[in-house]
Amino acid sequence: MATTAAMLLVINAEAQNAGGISPQMMQQFEKQHQANPASRALQNAVAVNSIDGLAVNKANAGAFDTYFSVETLSQSITNQKSSGRCWMFSGFNVLRGNFAKRTDSLTVSLSQNYLFFYDQLEKANLMLQGVIDHAKKPFEDQRVQFFFQSPINDGGTFCGVADLVEKYGLVPSSVQPESFSAENTAKMASIVKSKLREHGLKLRQMVADGKKTADVQKAKVTALSEIYNILALTLGEPVKEFDYAFKGKDGRAKTPVKHYTPKTFAEEVVGGPINGTFIMVMNDPRRPYYKTYEVEYDRHTYDGHNWKYLNLPMDEIEQLAVASLKDGRKLYSSYDVGKQLDRKRGYADTENFDYASLFGTSFTMDKAQRISTFDSGSTHAMTLTAVDLDANGKATKWKVENSWGGDWGQKGCLIMTDRWFREYMFRLVVNKKYVSEKLLKDYNQKPIMVMPEDPLFQQDN
């Protein structure tokens, strides 16, 4: 009887551990690893060197061509420092480029700190109002969890630039320069997130207790007043009016000093509304092309625009990009910039690093599979500024202005081969004047709503 019981315990234990790592598996792993004569040498090398340093593909590590047949006017390189504001830096690069093209000689440097204040305050309101709107749902509901998991962040898209500029205007960087917390956002964000979660719980409880809508909204305003105070102490209160004269590339004033508000300054720099002048296109091979999608709650202001895009094949996206660049207009674009990036050279190519040979394996997922499995997605926005075309008009390489400082890469820029561009480029914002009637019609169809938790819909940082 005792023997039978012991046998049953062993059988039950083996059944419970059927999905675990067994001693037999460990023996197999060790045997396979040790069967490679080079394993010990590789293990020693990897232990004291960077993986990228060992995986460099020497055949691809030489000099590369930096000539571009189509290139927009160069402008000063910016630096987002330790923040996730690349979407704003890239968006401002586009606005600055358009201003320089329109005025022919004037330059302008825009304050990211000024608009970041309102971005954070608006996102705080979006979170709190979202909590109120979904307060009757259980706390475990996916949408409720969405607001509490990430109540605020640095990231965003060009839609945020359009909505925030039209609502709050712009100011020159000299009028409201960067603060420490603007360039190093982690601690400020942590404090604001904690307060938003705390207030979110209180607002949910008020709704559950049947409090009047007016009282709930009053409590939200009180919460936002606390957030305003934190932002004002860390970023500085936004400028309301100022005097300014535009300068040329030589640094000398080219216009008389004029009195501005942020809105009148934005009107002069931008020249008109931003919303309605552009479309966002995206390459997502998981979904049908020539369909329009809208990402729920993926916006910067509660009363603003969700991120809406037309899904297109890369051939179509490249044609739009080339048309804009040929006309001297830079474009907001975003990428999975960490993949196959040679940071020292400022060069992105699919053959930069041979990880497969180093680790004796292969990497076989295509773009759609990488997106689906969270292995790849849009992580960083940069400003597309140039393309090199061959004799047949086909793109061979591209260049972007980055926001990691002028001493990075190619004088602050990144050069990417077309094969890399096709694999790791995702978003492009293009003026409607370069878009065909057919594509505009496709863009204006009723969008298919998708969830912000989708692996591709990360905000650019």
Protein backbone atom coordinates (compact mmCIF):
# COMPACT_ATOMS: atom_id res chain seq x y z
CA MET A 1 0.00 0.00 0.00
CA ALA A 2 2.79 2.40 0.96
CA THR A 3 4.68 1.53 -2.23
CA THR A 4 1.62 2.24 -4.35
CA ALA A 5 1.09 5.59 -2.64
CA ALA A 6 4.73 6.57 -3.21
CA MET A 7 4.48 5.65 -6.88
CA LEU A 8 1.35 7.80 -7.22
CA LEU A 9 3.18 10.74 -5.65
CA VAL A 10 6.03 10.37 -8.14
CA ILE A 11 3.63 10.14 -11.10
CA ASN A 12 1.67 13.19 -9.88
CA ALA A 13 4.88 15.17 -9.40
CA GLU A 14 6.08 14.29 -12.90
CA ALA A 15 2.70 15.27 -14.37
CA GLN A 16 2.79 18.63 -12.58
CA ASN A 17 6.31 19.31 -13.82
CA ALA A 18 5.69 18.23 -17.40
CA GLY A 19 6.11 21.81 -18.60
CA GLY A 20 9.17 22.55 -16.51
CA ILE A 21 12.88 22.16 -17.19
CA SER A 22 13.89 18.61 -16.29
CA PRO A 23 17.39 17.31 -15.43
CA GLN A 24 17.39 15.51 -18.78
CA MET A 25 16.79 18.79 -20.58
CA MET A 26 19.66 20.44 -18.71
CA GLN A 27 21.97 17.62 -19.75
CA GLN A 28 20.88 18.07 -23.37
CA PHE A 29 21.49 21.86 -23.21
CA GLU A 30 24.94 21.40 -21.73
CA LYS A 31 25.88 18.71 -24.22
CA GLN A 32 24.82 20.80 -27.23
CA HIS A 33 26.59 23.90 -25.93
CA GLN A 34 29.82 22.05 -25.20
CA ALA A 35 29.75 20.20 -28.53
CA ASN A 36 30.83 23.42 -30.27
CA PRO A 37 34.64 23.71 -29.95
CA ALA A 38 34.37 27.48 -30.16
CA SER A 39 31.89 27.83 -27.30
CA ARG A 40 34.53 28.37 -24.60
CA ALA A 41 36.35 31.03 -26.62
CA LEU A 42 33.08 32.80 -27.49
CA GLN A 43 31.94 32.64 -23.87
CA ASN A 44 35.17 34.28 -22.72
CA ALA A 45 34.93 36.94 -25.43
CA VAL A 46 31.28 37.81 -24.72
CA ALA A 47 32.01 38.01 -20.99
CA VAL A 48 34.32 41.00 -21.39
CA ASN A 49 33.08 42.67 -24.59
CA SER A 50 29.87 44.24 -25.88
CA ILE A 51 27.71 41.98 -28.02
CA ASP A 52 27.57 44.59 -30.79
CA GLY A 53 31.35 44.89 -30.74
CA LEU A 54 31.71 41.15 -31.34
CA ALA A 55 28.86 40.91 -33.83
CA VAL A 56 30.10 43.68 -36.14
CA ASN A 57 29.91 42.59 -39.75
CA LYS A 58 33.35 43.68 -40.98
CA ALA A 59 32.25 43.38 -44.58
CA ASN A 60 29.73 46.16 -43.86
CA ALA A 61 31.82 48.27 -41.50
CA GLY A 62 33.76 50.38 -43.98
CA ALA A 63 33.11 53.84 -45.32
CA PHE A 64 29.70 54.51 -46.84
CA ASP A 65 28.41 57.07 -49.30
CA THR A 66 27.04 60.24 -47.71
CA TYR A 67 25.89 61.91 -50.96
CA PHE A 68 22.15 62.51 -51.44
CA SER A 69 20.57 63.45 -54.73
CA VAL A 70 17.54 65.00 -52.99
CA GLU A 71 18.17 66.93 -49.78
CA THR A 72 16.31 69.63 -47.86
CA LEU A 73 18.05 72.63 -46.27
CA SER A 74 20.06 71.74 -43.18
CA GLN A 75 19.17 73.27 -39.83
CA SER A 76 20.47 73.23 -36.27
CA ILE A 77 20.40 69.88 -34.46
CA THR A 78 18.52 69.60 -31.17
CA ASN A 79 18.93 67.34 -28.14
CA GLN A 80 16.06 65.81 -26.17
CA LYS A 81 18.50 64.67 -23.45
CA SER A 82 17.04 62.11 -20.98
CA SER A 83 13.44 62.58 -22.04
CA GLY A 84 10.97 60.87 -24.34
CA ARG A 85 10.02 63.99 -26.30
CA CYS A 86 11.36 62.93 -29.71
CA TRP A 87 7.86 63.37 -31.21
CA MET A 88 7.92 67.05 -30.27
CA PHE A 89 11.51 67.60 -31.41
CA SER A 90 10.76 65.97 -34.76
CA GLY A 91 7.51 67.87 -35.13
CA PHE A 92 9.25 71.17 -34.36
CA ASN A 93 11.96 70.32 -36.91
CA VAL A 94 9.24 70.08 -39.54
CA LEU A 95 7.69 73.39 -38.45
CA ARG A 96 11.10 75.09 -38.44
CA GLY A 97 11.90 73.66 -41.87
CA ASN A 98 8.61 74.87 -43.31
CA PHE A 99 9.18 78.33 -41.80
CA ALA A 100 12.68 78.59 -43.28
CA LYS A 101 11.38 77.49 -46.68
CA ARG A 102 8.51 79.97 -46.59
CA THR A 103 10.59 82.96 -45.41
CA ASP A 104 13.65 81.98 -47.47
CA SER A 105 16.18 83.31 -44.95
CA LEU A 106 14.79 83.38 -41.41
CA THR A 107 15.46 80.77 -38.73
CA VAL A 108 13.73 80.01 -35.46
CA SER A 109 14.41 77.82 -32.43
CA LEU A 110 11.28 76.66 -30.60
CA SER A 111 10.82 75.94 -26.89
CA GLN A 112 10.05 72.31 -26.24
CA ASN A 113 9.79 73.09 -22.52
CA TYR A 114 6.91 75.50 -23.07
CA LEU A 115 4.70 73.07 -24.96
CA PHE A 116 5.79 70.09 -22.83
CA PHE A 117 4.20 71.78 -19.81
CA TYR A 118 0.82 71.80 -21.53
CA ASP A 119 1.36 68.32 -22.95
CA GLN A 120 1.78 66.91 -19.45
CA LEU A 121 -1.14 68.89 -18.01
CA GLU A 122 -3.41 67.82 -20.87
CA LYS A 123 -2.38 64.17 -20.52
CA ALA A 124 -3.14 64.38 -16.81
CA ASN A 125 -6.63 65.63 -17.64
CA LEU A 126 -7.04 62.92 -20.29
CA MET A 127 -6.23 60.27 -17.68
CA LEU A 128 -8.50 61.66 -14.96
CA GLN A 129 -11.44 62.24 -17.30
CA GLY A 130 -10.89 58.77 -18.77
CA VAL A 131 -11.10 57.32 -15.26
CA ILE A 132 -14.36 59.20 -14.71
CA ASP A 133 -15.81 58.08 -18.05
CA HIS A 134 -15.09 54.43 -17.21
CA ALA A 135 -15.65 54.61 -13.45
CA LYS A 136 -18.63 52.25 -13.48
CA LYS A 137 -16.56 49.46 -15.02
CA PRO A 138 -14.74 46.99 -12.74
CA PHE A 139 -11.19 47.94 -11.81
CA GLU A 140 -9.93 44.89 -13.73
CA ASP A 141 -11.46 46.17 -16.99
CA GLN A 142 -8.84 46.60 -19.73
CA ARG A 143 -9.65 50.26 -20.31
CA VAL A 144 -9.58 51.12 -16.62
CA GLN A 145 -6.24 49.33 -16.31
CA PHE A 146 -4.96 51.30 -19.31
CA PHE A 147 -5.39 54.61 -17.50
CA PHE A 148 -3.89 53.49 -14.22
CA GLN A 149 -1.01 51.52 -15.71
CA SER A 150 0.37 54.50 -17.63
CA PRO A 151 -1.42 57.64 -16.43
CA ILE A 152 1.09 59.94 -18.13
CA ASN A 153 4.17 59.66 -20.34
CA ASP A 154 6.66 61.65 -22.40
CA GLY A 155 5.83 59.97 -25.69
CA GLY A 156 3.52 61.05 -28.46
CA THR A 157 2.87 61.56 -32.15
CA PHE A 158 2.59 64.45 -34.59
CA CYS A 159 -1.13 64.65 -33.81
CA GLY A 160 -0.11 65.95 -30.39
CA VAL A 161 2.07 68.64 -31.96
CA ALA A 162 -0.87 69.80 -34.10
CA ASP A 163 -3.41 69.86 -31.27
CA LEU A 164 -1.14 71.45 -28.67
CA VAL A 165 0.25 74.15 -30.98
CA GLU A 166 -3.22 75.16 -32.13
CA LYS A 167 -4.49 75.30 -28.54
CA TYR A 168 -1.50 76.86 -26.75
CA GLY A 169 0.76 78.33 -29.44
CA LEU A 170 4.56 78.39 -29.52
CA VAL A 171 7.38 80.41 -28.00
CA PRO A 172 11.08 80.72 -28.91
CA SER A 173 13.53 78.60 -26.93
CA SER A 174 15.27 81.78 -25.74
CA VAL A 175 12.04 82.90 -24.08
CA GLN A 176 11.41 79.65 -22.18
CA PRO A 177 14.58 77.53 -22.16
CA GLU A 178 14.85 73.94 -20.99
CA SER A 179 14.73 73.13 -17.26
CA PHE A 180 16.50 70.23 -15.56
CA SER A 181 13.24 68.25 -15.30
CA ALA A 182 12.39 68.90 -18.95
CA GLU A 183 15.67 67.27 -19.95
CA ASN A 184 15.51 64.61 -17.22
CA THR A 185 11.87 63.65 -16.89
CA ALA A 186 11.96 60.38 -14.91
CA LYS A 187 11.56 61.71 -11.35
CA MET A 188 8.98 64.35 -12.26
CA ALA A 189 6.97 61.72 -14.16
CA SER A 190 7.12 59.30 -11.22
CA ILE A 191 5.72 61.91 -8.84
CA VAL A 192 2.96 63.00 -11.22
CA LYS A 193 1.97 59.38 -11.91
CA SER A 194 1.59 58.65 -8.20
CA LYS A 195 -0.64 61.69 -7.69
CA LEU A 196 -2.77 60.83 -10.72
CA ARG A 197 -3.32 57.26 -9.51
CA GLU A 198 -4.24 58.57 -6.07
CA HIS A 199 -6.74 61.06 -7.48
CA GLY A 200 -8.03 58.50 -9.96
CA LEU A 201 -9.02 56.19 -7.13
CA LYS A 202 -10.82 59.05 -5.34
CA LEU A 203 -12.75 59.97 -8.49
CA ARG A 204 -13.81 56.34 -9.03
CA GLN A 205 -15.05 56.20 -5.45
CA MET A 206 -17.02 59.41 -5.87
CA VAL A 207 -18.80 57.95 -8.91
CA ALA A 208 -19.44 54.69 -7.03
CA ASP A 209 -20.92 56.69 -4.14
CA GLY A 210 -23.33 58.40 -6.53
CA LYS A 211 -21.86 61.89 -6.21
CA LYS A 212 -23.18 64.56 -8.57
CA THR A 213 -21.37 65.04 -11.87
CA ALA A 214 -20.60 68.64 -10.94
CA ASP A 215 -18.95 67.53 -7.70
CA VAL A 216 -16.87 64.90 -9.49
CA GLN A 217 -15.70 67.49 -12.01
CA LYS A 218 -14.87 69.91 -9.19
CA ALA A 219 -12.71 67.22 -7.58
CA LYS A 220 -10.97 66.66 -10.91
CA VAL A 221 -10.16 70.36 -11.19
CA THR A 222 -8.70 70.28 -7.68
CA ALA A 223 -6.54 67.32 -8.67
CA LEU A 224 -5.34 69.09 -11.82
CA SER A 225 -4.45 72.14 -9.74
CA GLU A 226 -2.01 69.94 -7.81
CA ILE A 227 -0.54 68.64 -11.06
CA TYR A 228 -0.21 72.20 -12.36
CA ASN A 229 1.76 73.14 -9.25
CA ILE A 230 4.16 70.19 -9.68
CA LEU A 231 4.69 71.04 -13.34
CA ALA A 232 5.17 74.74 -12.62
CA LEU A 233 7.85 73.95 -10.03
CA THR A 234 9.70 71.51 -12.30
CA LEU A 235 9.22 73.02 -15.76
CA GLY A 236 8.37 76.62 -14.95
CA GLU A 237 5.07 78.41 -15.60
CA PRO A 238 4.40 78.92 -19.32
CA VAL A 239 5.22 82.32 -20.79
CA LYS A 240 2.18 84.47 -21.62
CA GLU A 241 3.76 87.28 -23.70
CA PHE A 242 7.18 88.34 -24.91
CA ASP A 243 9.18 90.47 -27.36
CA TYR A 244 11.13 88.82 -30.16
CA ALA A 245 12.98 89.50 -33.42
CA PHE A 246 13.61 86.75 -35.98
CA LYS A 247 17.20 86.03 -36.99
CA GLY A 248 18.94 84.80 -40.09
CA LYS A 249 21.45 81.97 -40.35
CA ASP A 250 24.21 84.42 -39.47
CA GLY A 251 22.62 84.93 -36.04
CA ARG A 252 21.73 88.58 -36.67
CA ALA A 253 18.25 90.02 -36.24
CA LYS A 254 16.44 90.31 -39.57
CA THR A 255 13.09 91.67 -38.39
CA PRO A 256 12.10 94.45 -35.98
CA VAL A 257 11.40 93.46 -32.37
CA LYS A 258 7.71 92.65 -32.05
CA HIS A 259 5.41 91.86 -29.13
CA TYR A 260 3.88 88.38 -29.21
CA THR A 261 1.63 86.02 -27.35
CA PRO A 262 2.29 82.28 -27.85
CA LYS A 263 -0.67 82.11 -30.24
CA THR A 264 0.32 85.09 -32.38
CA PHE A 265 3.88 83.79 -32.51
CA ALA A 266 2.62 80.36 -33.64
CA GLU A 267 0.55 81.99 -36.36
CA GLU A 268 3.66 83.76 -37.69
CA VAL A 269 5.86 80.65 -37.53
CA VAL A 270 3.37 78.09 -38.81
CA GLY A 271 1.46 80.34 -41.18
CA GLY A 272 -1.94 78.78 -40.56
CA PRO A 273 -3.63 75.72 -39.05
CA ILE A 274 -1.82 72.38 -38.86
CA ASN A 275 -4.79 70.07 -38.43
CA GLY A 276 -6.40 69.32 -41.77
CA THR A 277 -3.21 69.92 -43.77
CA PHE A 278 -1.61 66.48 -43.34
CA ILE A 279 -2.29 62.79 -43.19
CA MET A 280 -0.42 60.12 -41.27
CA VAL A 281 0.43 56.94 -43.15
CA MET A 282 1.80 53.75 -41.66
CA ASN A 283 3.23 50.44 -42.78
CA ASP A 284 1.62 47.58 -40.83
CA PRO A 285 1.83 44.38 -42.89
CA ARG A 286 -0.42 42.57 -40.39
CA ARG A 287 -3.45 44.51 -41.55
CA PRO A 288 -5.09 45.16 -44.94
CA TYR A 289 -3.57 48.03 -46.90
CA TYR A 290 -5.55 51.06 -48.08
CA LYS A 291 -7.68 50.97 -44.94
CA THR A 292 -7.82 53.75 -42.34
CA TYR A 293 -7.39 53.01 -38.65
CA GLU A 294 -7.86 55.10 -35.52
CA VAL A 295 -6.25 54.33 -32.18
CA GLU A 296 -8.66 54.84 -29.29
CA TYR A 297 -7.46 57.24 -26.57
CA ASP A 298 -4.12 57.69 -28.35
CA ARG A 299 -4.14 61.47 -28.20
CA HIS A 300 -2.62 64.25 -26.14
CA THR A 301 -5.69 66.27 -25.21
CA TYR A 302 -9.12 65.01 -24.19
CA ASP A 303 -10.75 67.31 -26.74
CA GLY A 304 -8.12 66.61 -29.42
CA HIS A 305 -7.60 64.13 -32.23
CA ASN A 306 -6.91 60.44 -31.89
CA TRP A 307 -3.99 59.07 -33.87
CA LYS A 308 -5.53 58.19 -37.25
CA TYR A 309 -3.56 56.66 -40.11
CA LEU A 310 -3.84 55.12 -43.56
CA ASN A 311 -2.11 51.75 -43.82
CA LEU A 312 0.05 51.58 -46.97
CA PRO A 313 2.69 49.36 -48.55
CA MET A 314 6.23 50.70 -48.31
CA ASP A 315 6.35 51.47 -52.06
CA GLU A 316 3.49 53.96 -51.64
CA ILE A 317 5.01 55.48 -48.50
CA GLU A 318 8.34 55.97 -50.25
CA GLN A 319 6.66 57.72 -53.17
CA LEU A 320 5.00 60.19 -50.77
CA ALA A 321 8.29 60.81 -48.99
CA VAL A 322 10.19 61.42 -52.23
CA ALA A 323 7.54 63.85 -53.51
CA SER A 324 7.74 65.90 -50.33
CA LEU A 325 11.55 65.92 -50.18
CA LYS A 326 11.83 66.94 -53.83
CA ASP A 327 9.74 69.99 -52.95
CA GLY A 328 12.08 70.85 -50.08
CA ARG A 329 9.77 69.75 -47.26
CA LYS A 330 10.99 67.68 -44.32
CA LEU A 331 8.72 64.97 -42.88
CA TYR A 332 7.91 63.65 -39.42
CA SER A 333 8.72 59.92 -39.42
CA SER A 334 9.25 57.16 -36.86
CA TYR A 335 11.26 53.96 -36.61
CA ASP A 336 12.41 51.05 -34.50
CA VAL A 337 15.71 52.85 -34.22
CA GLY A 338 17.50 50.36 -31.97
CA LYS A 339 17.59 47.59 -34.55
CA GLN A 340 20.89 47.14 -36.44
CA LEU A 341 22.00 50.69 -35.56
CA ASP A 342 25.70 51.55 -35.64
CA ARG A 343 25.62 54.44 -33.20
CA LYS A 344 29.24 55.46 -33.68
CA ARG A 345 28.85 55.93 -37.42
CA GLY A 346 25.23 57.07 -37.38
CA TYR A 347 24.42 54.33 -39.87
CA ALA A 348 21.48 51.91 -39.94
CA ASP A 349 21.61 48.84 -42.17
CA THR A 350 20.20 45.32 -41.86
CA GLU A 351 23.73 43.91 -42.30
CA ASN A 352 25.54 45.97 -39.65
CA PHE A 353 25.67 43.17 -37.08
CA ASP A 354 25.78 39.40 -37.52
CA TYR A 355 24.16 38.17 -34.32
CA ALA A 356 23.21 34.89 -35.98
CA SER A 357 26.80 33.81 -36.55
CA LEU A 358 27.93 34.95 -33.10
CA PHE A 359 25.28 32.88 -31.32
CA GLY A 360 25.04 30.02 -33.83
CA THR A 361 21.37 30.57 -34.58
CA SER A 362 19.10 32.39 -37.04
CA PHE A 363 16.51 35.17 -36.86
CA THR A 364 13.69 34.42 -39.28
CA MET A 365 10.72 36.62 -38.35
CA ASP A 366 9.45 39.04 -40.98
CA LYS A 367 8.17 42.56 -40.23
CA ALA A 368 4.60 41.46 -39.52
CA GLN A 369 5.75 38.70 -37.17
CA ARG A 370 8.10 41.04 -35.33
CA ILE A 371 5.24 43.48 -34.74
CA SER A 372 2.79 40.77 -33.63
CA THR A 373 5.21 39.38 -31.06
CA PHE A 374 6.21 42.79 -29.63
CA ASP A 375 9.70 42.31 -31.07
CA SER A 376 9.49 45.50 -33.12
CA GLY A 377 7.44 48.65 -33.25
CA SER A 378 7.64 52.40 -33.60
CA THR A 379 9.88 53.65 -30.80
CA HIS A 380 11.55 56.87 -31.96
CA ALA A 381 10.58 59.82 -34.14
CA MET A 382 13.09 61.56 -36.40
CA THR A 383 12.82 64.10 -39.19
CA LEU A 384 13.22 62.74 -42.71
CA THR A 385 15.37 65.20 -44.65
CA ALA A 386 16.99 63.50 -47.68
CA VAL A 387 16.86 60.58 -50.09
CA ASP A 388 19.33 59.28 -52.64
CA LEU A 389 17.76 58.03 -55.87
CA ASP A 390 19.36 55.78 -58.46
CA ALA A 391 19.13 56.24 -62.24
CA ASN A 392 15.68 54.64 -62.21
CA GLY A 393 14.37 56.89 -59.47
CA LYS A 394 14.49 54.17 -56.83
CA ALA A 395 15.57 55.06 -53.30
CA THR A 396 18.88 53.59 -52.18
CA LYS A 397 19.32 55.38 -48.84
CA TRP A 398 17.71 58.01 -46.61
CA LYS A 399 18.77 60.59 -44.03
CA VAL A 400 17.05 61.94 -40.93
CA GLU A 401 17.73 64.72 -38.46
CA ASN A 402 17.87 63.15 -35.02
CA SER A 403 17.39 64.77 -31.59
CA TRP A 404 20.39 63.27 -29.78
CA GLY A 405 22.70 66.27 -30.18
CA GLY A 406 24.98 67.52 -32.94
CA ASP A 407 27.97 65.42 -31.90
CA TRP A 408 26.09 62.15 -32.47
CA GLY A 409 26.30 60.09 -35.67
CA GLN A 410 26.63 62.08 -38.89
CA LYS A 411 26.74 65.54 -37.28
CA GLY A 412 23.49 64.79 -35.51
CA CYS A 413 21.93 62.93 -38.46
CA LEU A 414 21.37 59.25 -39.21
CA ILE A 415 21.85 57.63 -42.60
CA MET A 416 19.86 54.46 -43.32
CA THR A 417 19.88 52.08 -46.25
CA ASP A 418 16.64 51.50 -48.10
CA ARG A 419 16.54 47.84 -47.01
CA TRP A 420 16.70 48.97 -43.36
CA PHE A 421 14.13 51.71 -44.02
CA ARG A 422 11.65 49.17 -45.37
CA GLU A 423 12.03 46.86 -42.37
CA TYR A 424 12.06 49.35 -39.50
CA MET A 425 10.26 52.49 -40.66
CA PHE A 426 6.61 52.73 -39.53
CA ARG A 427 5.06 56.21 -39.57
CA LEU A 428 5.17 59.14 -41.94
CA VAL A 429 3.33 62.46 -41.74
CA VAL A 430 2.91 64.04 -45.17
CA ASN A 431 1.24 67.23 -46.35
CA LYS A 432 -1.95 66.54 -48.31
CA LYS A 433 -0.63 68.40 -51.35
CA TYR A 434 1.64 65.41 -52.10
CA VAL A 435 -1.13 62.82 -51.67
CA SER A 436 -3.18 61.51 -54.61
CA GLU A 437 -6.95 61.89 -54.71
CA LYS A 438 -7.29 58.12 -54.41
CA LEU A 439 -5.22 57.95 -51.22
CA LEU A 440 -7.03 60.96 -49.76
CA LYS A 441 -10.31 59.17 -50.42
CA ASP A 442 -8.95 56.05 -48.72
CA TYR A 443 -7.81 58.15 -45.76
CA ASN A 444 -11.24 59.75 -45.40
CA GLN A 445 -13.14 56.46 -45.19
CA LYS A 446 -14.67 55.59 -41.82
CA PRO A 447 -11.72 54.43 -39.67
CA ILE A 448 -11.51 51.03 -38.06
CA MET A 449 -11.05 51.53 -34.31
CA VAL A 450 -8.13 49.67 -32.76
CA MET A 451 -6.90 49.43 -29.19
CA PRO A 452 -3.92 51.37 -27.80
CA GLU A 453 -2.53 48.15 -26.29
CA ASP A 454 -1.66 46.92 -29.79
CA PRO A 455 2.10 46.17 -30.02
CA LEU A 456 2.62 48.63 -32.88
CA PHE A 457 0.94 51.61 -31.30
CA GLN A 458 3.71 52.61 -28.98
CA GLN A 459 4.20 56.34 -28.72
CA ASP A 460 7.41 57.80 -30.09
CA ASN A 461 9.97 58.60 -27.37
